[in-house]
Amino acid sequence: MARLLLIEDDPTIRIPLLRALRDRGHAVAAATGAMDGLRDALDDRPDLVVLDLGLPDLDGRELLRMLRAVSRVPVIVATARDDETEIVRVLDAGADDYLVKPFTAAQLDARIRAVLRRSAPAGGTAERNVVVGGLVIDPGAREVRLDGVPVGLTPREFDLLHHLATRAGQVVTKRELLTEVWQIPYGGADKTVDVHLSWLRRKLGETAQQPRYLHTVRGVGVRLDAPEPGR
């Protein structure tokens, strides 16, 4: 099963595709505009984006350029534009595949599977679980357990915890978190990190005043450590 984001404003295409792709076992979210789609792609980190070019607020090719500036997520462009020059431009702009409407859900599903195979890590090796104390983080399944109990995290919370866990024992700056987790330049967005750390602490059953895993280093950043025995 893949986590897909469909950016398509036409309901006569979007709704049947959502239903058909979900019937094929995919988890599919949808956006009807370019800027909403960009936000969802960055916040939810889908495995693949299916992008229409004829969007109401911004041309899909411009959205593709914006997305490529901050993300390597695979993108299949699915559009009615069949001009060869346009196809070449879109592929050169960073699309992984191009599908001309009309097409069937089966055709799109086959393209999705092919693109995901090509974008998989070399050798098909899966990322190993990250273990810090009683925390077990499974990056493949995007699941977290704390002392054997599942912890429900949002996609962004998961990315934040995983990034910190892979650097356990090190102080990670807010600049690095914004650049690597949020993929946005640093500058006046400290509150974004602080709020997500607060939510994450709550789900891990701790507070900033009584930390177990997440330790704030004032004026520098945050460090994830396994708790001392008995804590």
Protein backbone atom coordinates (compact mmCIF):
# COMPACT_ATOMS: atom_id res chain seq x y z
CA MET A 1 0.00 0.00 0.00
CA ALA A 2 1.26 3.47 -0.89
CA ARG A 3 0.30 6.81 0.63
CA LEU A 4 -0.75 8.99 -2.29
CA LEU A 5 -1.66 12.65 -2.73
CA LEU A 6 -3.95 13.43 -5.67
CA ILE A 7 -3.92 17.11 -6.73
CA GLU A 8 -6.89 17.45 -9.05
CA ASP A 9 -9.62 20.12 -9.13
CA ASP A 10 -12.14 18.37 -11.42
CA PRO A 11 -14.55 16.37 -9.22
CA THR A 12 -15.63 14.17 -12.13
CA ILE A 13 -12.05 12.89 -12.27
CA ARG A 14 -10.96 13.28 -8.65
CA ILE A 15 -13.81 11.38 -6.95
CA PRO A 16 -13.73 8.23 -9.15
CA LEU A 17 -9.92 8.13 -8.96
CA LEU A 18 -9.97 8.40 -5.18
CA ARG A 19 -12.42 5.53 -4.97
CA ALA A 20 -10.55 3.36 -7.48
CA LEU A 21 -7.11 3.87 -5.94
CA ARG A 22 -8.44 3.19 -2.46
CA ASP A 23 -10.07 0.01 -3.76
CA ARG A 24 -6.60 -1.02 -4.92
CA GLY A 25 -5.30 -0.70 -1.38
CA HIS A 26 -3.72 2.75 -1.44
CA ALA A 27 -4.22 5.42 1.22
CA VAL A 28 -5.18 8.49 -0.82
CA ALA A 29 -5.63 12.13 0.18
CA ALA A 30 -6.76 14.82 -2.24
CA ALA A 31 -6.23 18.54 -2.79
CA THR A 32 -8.11 20.71 -5.29
CA GLY A 33 -5.62 23.56 -5.62
CA ALA A 34 -1.89 24.04 -6.09
CA MET A 35 -1.11 25.75 -2.79
CA ASP A 36 -3.20 23.31 -0.76
CA GLY A 37 -1.44 20.51 -2.59
CA LEU A 38 2.00 21.93 -1.83
CA ARG A 39 1.12 22.27 1.85
CA ASP A 40 -0.23 18.72 2.03
CA ALA A 41 2.81 17.31 0.22
CA LEU A 42 5.18 18.97 2.71
CA ASP A 43 3.11 18.30 5.83
CA ASP A 44 1.98 14.72 5.16
CA ARG A 45 5.01 13.40 3.24
CA PRO A 46 3.14 11.06 0.83
CA ASP A 47 4.98 8.30 -1.01
CA LEU A 48 3.90 9.74 -4.37
CA VAL A 49 2.00 12.73 -5.80
CA VAL A 50 -0.39 12.53 -8.77
CA LEU A 51 -0.54 16.04 -10.21
CA ASP A 52 -2.92 17.68 -12.69
CA LEU A 53 -1.50 20.68 -14.53
CA GLY A 54 -4.72 22.67 -15.03
CA LEU A 55 -5.26 23.90 -11.47
CA PRO A 56 -7.37 26.95 -10.58
CA ASP A 57 -4.82 28.93 -8.53
CA LEU A 58 -1.49 28.10 -10.17
CA ASP A 59 -0.31 26.13 -13.18
CA GLY A 60 0.74 22.64 -12.18
CA ARG A 61 4.14 23.04 -13.83
CA GLU A 62 4.92 25.95 -11.48
CA LEU A 63 3.76 23.84 -8.54
CA LEU A 64 6.09 21.05 -9.69
CA ARG A 65 9.05 23.46 -9.69
CA MET A 66 8.14 24.67 -6.19
CA LEU A 67 7.79 21.11 -4.94
CA ARG A 68 11.07 20.02 -6.50
CA ALA A 69 12.87 22.87 -4.71
CA VAL A 70 12.07 21.33 -1.33
CA SER A 71 11.19 17.65 -1.86
CA ARG A 72 12.22 14.53 -3.76
CA VAL A 73 8.76 12.92 -3.56
CA PRO A 74 7.97 11.04 -6.81
CA VAL A 75 5.47 12.91 -9.02
CA ILE A 76 3.27 11.55 -11.80
CA VAL A 77 1.72 14.29 -13.92
CA ALA A 78 -1.77 13.26 -15.09
CA THR A 79 -3.20 15.84 -17.46
CA ALA A 80 -5.10 16.41 -20.69
CA ARG A 81 -2.14 18.27 -22.23
CA ASP A 82 -0.67 16.00 -24.89
CA ASP A 83 1.72 18.36 -26.65
CA GLU A 84 5.15 16.76 -26.95
CA THR A 85 6.98 19.97 -26.08
CA GLU A 86 4.91 20.33 -22.92
CA ILE A 87 5.60 16.72 -21.94
CA VAL A 88 9.36 17.25 -22.34
CA ARG A 89 9.25 20.47 -20.31
CA VAL A 90 7.36 18.83 -17.47
CA LEU A 91 9.70 15.83 -17.35
CA ASP A 92 12.70 18.17 -17.42
CA ALA A 93 11.12 20.14 -14.55
CA GLY A 94 11.27 17.02 -12.39
CA ALA A 95 8.21 14.84 -13.04
CA ASP A 96 8.89 11.10 -12.78
CA ASP A 97 6.20 10.11 -15.29
CA TYR A 98 3.55 11.70 -17.52
CA LEU A 99 0.09 10.28 -18.21
CA VAL A 100 -2.32 11.83 -20.71
CA LYS A 101 -6.07 11.89 -20.00
CA PRO A 102 -8.25 9.98 -20.48
CA PHE A 103 -6.72 6.99 -18.72
CA THR A 104 -8.03 4.16 -16.54
CA ALA A 105 -7.37 3.72 -12.84
CA ALA A 106 -5.58 0.47 -13.70
CA GLN A 107 -3.18 2.35 -15.98
CA LEU A 108 -2.47 4.94 -13.29
CA ASP A 109 -1.99 2.23 -10.66
CA ALA A 110 0.54 0.47 -12.90
CA ARG A 111 2.46 3.74 -13.38
CA ILE A 112 2.40 4.34 -9.61
CA ARG A 113 3.86 0.92 -8.90
CA ALA A 114 6.53 1.37 -11.57
CA VAL A 115 7.61 4.80 -10.28
CA LEU A 116 7.73 3.57 -6.68
CA ARG A 117 9.88 0.61 -7.74
CA ARG A 118 12.31 2.96 -9.49
CA SER A 119 12.47 5.32 -6.52
CA ALA A 120 12.99 2.56 -3.92
CA PRO A 121 16.43 2.43 -2.22
CA ALA A 122 19.06 0.47 -4.13
CA GLY A 123 18.88 -3.23 -3.34
CA GLY A 124 15.44 -2.78 -1.81
CA THR A 125 16.95 -2.60 1.66
CA ALA A 126 14.53 -1.42 4.31
CA GLU A 127 15.49 1.12 6.93
CA ARG A 128 16.24 -0.46 10.29
CA ASN A 129 14.24 0.29 13.40
CA VAL A 130 15.68 3.01 15.60
CA VAL A 131 15.74 2.04 19.29
CA VAL A 132 16.40 4.51 22.09
CA GLY A 133 15.58 3.16 25.53
CA GLY A 134 11.96 2.02 25.43
CA LEU A 135 11.30 3.87 22.17
CA VAL A 136 11.15 1.74 19.02
CA ILE A 137 10.72 3.68 15.77
CA ASP A 138 9.90 1.74 12.59
CA PRO A 139 10.61 4.09 9.63
CA GLY A 140 9.22 1.65 7.06
CA ALA A 141 5.82 1.27 8.72
CA ARG A 142 6.07 4.78 10.24
CA GLU A 143 5.08 3.36 13.61
CA VAL A 144 6.32 4.15 17.11
CA ARG A 145 6.11 2.09 20.28
CA LEU A 146 6.96 3.28 23.77
CA ASP A 147 7.59 0.49 26.24
CA GLY A 148 5.69 -1.81 23.89
CA VAL A 149 2.64 0.45 23.57
CA PRO A 150 1.81 2.05 20.18
CA VAL A 151 2.08 5.85 20.08
CA GLY A 152 -0.16 7.66 17.61
CA LEU A 153 1.78 10.46 15.91
CA THR A 154 0.99 12.82 13.07
CA PRO A 155 3.30 12.57 10.03
CA ARG A 156 5.22 15.66 11.13
CA GLU A 157 5.56 14.43 14.71
CA PHE A 158 6.88 11.12 13.41
CA ASP A 159 9.46 12.85 11.19
CA LEU A 160 10.56 15.06 14.09
CA LEU A 161 10.96 12.12 16.50
CA HIS A 162 12.73 9.98 13.90
CA HIS A 163 15.19 12.77 13.08
CA LEU A 164 16.02 13.29 16.75
CA ALA A 165 16.27 9.55 17.44
CA THR A 166 18.78 9.01 14.63
CA ARG A 167 20.92 11.62 16.40
CA ALA A 168 20.33 10.36 19.94
CA GLY A 169 22.69 11.93 22.45
CA GLN A 170 23.40 14.90 20.18
CA VAL A 171 22.02 18.41 20.53
CA VAL A 172 20.02 19.21 17.39
CA THR A 173 19.44 22.89 16.64
CA LYS A 174 16.13 24.38 15.60
CA ARG A 175 17.81 25.53 12.40
CA GLU A 176 18.58 21.91 11.51
CA LEU A 177 15.06 20.75 12.41
CA LEU A 178 13.43 23.39 10.23
CA THR A 179 15.75 22.60 7.33
CA GLU A 180 15.70 18.80 7.55
CA VAL A 181 12.22 18.03 8.94
CA TRP A 182 10.14 20.96 7.70
CA GLN A 183 12.35 21.58 4.64
CA ILE A 184 11.99 25.34 5.03
CA PRO A 185 14.72 27.95 5.58
CA TYR A 186 15.39 29.06 9.12
CA GLY A 187 14.06 32.42 10.16
CA GLY A 188 11.54 33.32 12.82
CA ALA A 189 9.85 29.92 12.87
CA ASP A 190 11.08 28.76 16.28
CA LYS A 191 7.50 28.51 17.51
CA THR A 192 6.75 25.86 14.91
CA VAL A 193 9.41 23.60 16.43
CA ASP A 194 8.42 24.45 20.00
CA VAL A 195 4.75 23.62 19.42
CA HIS A 196 5.50 20.27 17.79
CA LEU A 197 7.96 19.38 20.54
CA SER A 198 5.27 20.17 23.10
CA TRP A 199 2.78 17.88 21.33
CA LEU A 200 5.41 15.16 21.05
CA ARG A 201 6.30 15.39 24.74
CA ARG A 202 2.64 15.04 25.67
CA LYS A 203 2.32 11.85 23.62
CA LEU A 204 5.49 10.46 25.18
CA GLY A 205 4.08 11.14 28.65
CA GLU A 206 6.55 13.82 29.70
CA THR A 207 6.87 17.58 30.05
CA ALA A 208 9.61 20.14 29.43
CA GLN A 209 9.94 20.51 33.22
CA GLN A 210 10.14 16.72 33.76
CA PRO A 211 11.69 15.28 30.59
CA ARG A 212 12.42 11.60 30.01
CA TYR A 213 13.50 11.54 26.37
CA LEU A 214 13.34 15.10 25.02
CA HIS A 215 15.75 17.49 26.77
CA THR A 216 15.83 21.17 25.88
CA VAL A 217 19.28 22.74 25.78
CA ARG A 218 18.44 26.38 26.31
CA GLY A 219 19.58 28.66 23.52
CA VAL A 220 20.85 25.75 21.41
CA GLY A 221 18.23 23.12 20.62
CA VAL A 222 16.96 19.75 21.83
CA ARG A 223 18.56 16.40 22.60
CA LEU A 224 16.88 12.98 22.64
CA ASP A 225 18.35 10.57 25.21
CA ALA A 226 17.26 7.29 26.73
CA PRO A 227 15.97 7.92 30.26
CA GLU A 228 18.08 6.95 33.23
CA PRO A 229 17.12 3.63 34.89
CA GLY A 230 14.12 4.03 37.15
CA ARG A 231 12.75 7.11 35.34
